[in-house]
Amino acid sequence: MPRHKHDLERVELLKKQPIEKLKPILPEILEWLQDGNWPIAEPVENVLLNFEEELIPYIREIFSTNEGCWKYFLLHGLIRKLPDYTLKELKADLNRMLNTPTEDEKQEEIR
């Protein structure tokens, strides 16, 4: 796991790990997307793109929090890169944010 927001070396090591080894730590990897301005955010997204549908429960869990900033960066980063068939799984969540946003989503202007 990365140790800090500039730890590109550790992200490279993540890329080399077998997918089965990363599955149990997906929630911890997703934490590195809390700020899309961090240098490791995009490389971490690229690691996570290998999981697609396996990410859905973890993304839904994040969407159920009051972490508007994290939701914003997920929407404008990782989620934009997911294939359509995976996005269909998030349709209800995305519609809810669009039609009845929570206070944190309104503050972050999530739309």
Protein backbone atom coordinates (compact mmCIF):
# COMPACT_ATOMS: atom_id res chain seq x y z
CA MET A 1 0.00 0.00 0.00
CA PRO A 2 1.14 3.56 -0.59
CA ARG A 3 2.41 5.32 2.50
CA HIS A 4 1.77 8.89 1.35
CA LYS A 5 0.18 10.81 -1.52
CA HIS A 6 3.47 10.93 -3.46
CA ASP A 7 4.28 7.22 -3.09
CA LEU A 8 4.29 6.31 -6.78
CA GLU A 9 6.82 3.55 -6.12
CA ARG A 10 4.32 1.61 -4.03
CA VAL A 11 1.58 2.15 -6.61
CA GLU A 12 3.89 0.55 -9.18
CA LEU A 13 4.26 -2.40 -6.81
CA LEU A 14 0.47 -2.65 -6.55
CA LYS A 15 0.26 -2.87 -10.34
CA LYS A 16 2.53 -5.91 -10.28
CA GLN A 17 0.48 -7.81 -7.69
CA PRO A 18 -1.89 -10.58 -8.73
CA ILE A 19 -5.51 -9.45 -8.75
CA GLU A 20 -6.46 -12.06 -6.15
CA LYS A 21 -4.00 -10.53 -3.71
CA LEU A 22 -5.50 -7.05 -4.14
CA LYS A 23 -9.18 -8.01 -3.80
CA PRO A 24 -9.15 -8.09 0.03
CA ILE A 25 -7.65 -4.61 0.22
CA LEU A 26 -9.85 -2.85 -2.35
CA PRO A 27 -11.46 -0.58 0.30
CA GLU A 28 -8.01 0.57 1.46
CA ILE A 29 -6.89 1.19 -2.12
CA LEU A 30 -10.03 3.24 -2.79
CA GLU A 31 -9.10 5.50 0.13
CA TRP A 32 -6.27 6.88 -2.03
CA LEU A 33 -8.91 8.45 -4.28
CA GLN A 34 -10.23 10.76 -1.56
CA ASP A 35 -8.44 13.64 -3.27
CA GLY A 36 -8.05 13.57 -7.02
CA ASN A 37 -5.30 16.17 -6.77
CA TRP A 38 -2.94 13.73 -5.07
CA PRO A 39 -0.16 12.61 -7.41
CA ILE A 40 -1.02 8.93 -6.87
CA ALA A 41 -4.77 9.31 -7.55
CA GLU A 42 -4.72 8.60 -11.28
CA PRO A 43 -2.21 5.72 -11.08
CA VAL A 44 -4.35 4.18 -8.30
CA GLU A 45 -7.43 4.55 -10.53
CA ASN A 46 -5.59 2.61 -13.21
CA VAL A 47 -4.91 -0.21 -10.74
CA LEU A 48 -8.58 -0.27 -9.71
CA LEU A 49 -9.84 -0.43 -13.29
CA ASN A 50 -8.82 -4.08 -13.31
CA PHE A 51 -11.69 -4.85 -10.93
CA GLU A 52 -14.70 -3.12 -12.54
CA GLU A 53 -17.82 -4.82 -11.13
CA GLU A 54 -16.00 -5.93 -7.98
CA LEU A 55 -15.73 -2.25 -7.05
CA ILE A 56 -19.49 -1.67 -7.02
CA PRO A 57 -20.20 -2.57 -3.36
CA TYR A 58 -17.29 -0.44 -2.19
CA ILE A 59 -18.29 2.51 -4.35
CA ARG A 60 -21.87 2.22 -3.06
CA GLU A 61 -20.54 2.25 0.48
CA ILE A 62 -18.65 5.48 -0.24
CA PHE A 63 -21.77 6.96 -1.86
CA SER A 64 -23.67 6.27 1.38
CA THR A 65 -21.26 8.38 3.44
CA ASN A 66 -21.20 12.14 3.94
CA GLU A 67 -17.80 12.36 2.23
CA GLY A 68 -18.84 14.71 -0.59
CA CYS A 69 -15.27 15.43 -1.64
CA TRP A 70 -14.48 11.72 -2.02
CA LYS A 71 -17.68 11.17 -4.02
CA TYR A 72 -16.79 14.11 -6.26
CA PHE A 73 -13.34 12.75 -7.03
CA LEU A 74 -14.71 9.24 -7.64
CA LEU A 75 -17.25 10.63 -10.09
CA HIS A 76 -14.74 12.77 -11.93
CA GLY A 77 -12.03 10.13 -11.97
CA LEU A 78 -12.50 6.39 -11.57
CA ILE A 79 -16.21 6.22 -12.39
CA ARG A 80 -15.75 8.07 -15.68
CA LYS A 81 -13.29 5.39 -16.72
CA LEU A 82 -15.48 2.41 -15.89
CA PRO A 83 -17.17 0.58 -18.79
CA ASP A 84 -20.88 1.13 -19.41
CA TYR A 85 -21.88 -2.34 -18.23
CA THR A 86 -20.33 -1.57 -14.84
CA LEU A 87 -21.91 1.88 -14.69
CA LYS A 88 -25.34 0.29 -15.15
CA GLU A 89 -24.84 -1.27 -11.72
CA LEU A 90 -24.49 2.25 -10.26
CA LYS A 91 -27.42 3.77 -12.14
CA ALA A 92 -29.72 3.99 -9.12
CA ASP A 93 -26.99 5.58 -7.00
CA LEU A 94 -26.10 8.09 -9.70
CA ASN A 95 -29.77 8.98 -10.27
CA ARG A 96 -30.25 9.51 -6.54
CA MET A 97 -27.31 11.92 -6.43
CA LEU A 98 -28.66 13.76 -9.44
CA ASN A 99 -32.28 13.99 -8.27
CA THR A 100 -32.05 14.09 -4.47
CA PRO A 101 -28.50 15.05 -3.48
CA THR A 102 -27.49 15.02 0.17
CA GLU A 103 -26.09 18.15 1.82
CA ASP A 104 -22.48 17.06 1.29
CA GLU A 105 -23.22 16.36 -2.39
CA LYS A 106 -24.80 19.81 -2.77
CA GLN A 107 -21.76 21.44 -1.15
CA GLU A 108 -19.42 19.66 -3.57
CA GLU A 109 -21.78 20.47 -6.46
CA ILE A 110 -22.05 16.83 -7.45
CA ARG A 111 -24.19 16.45 -10.54
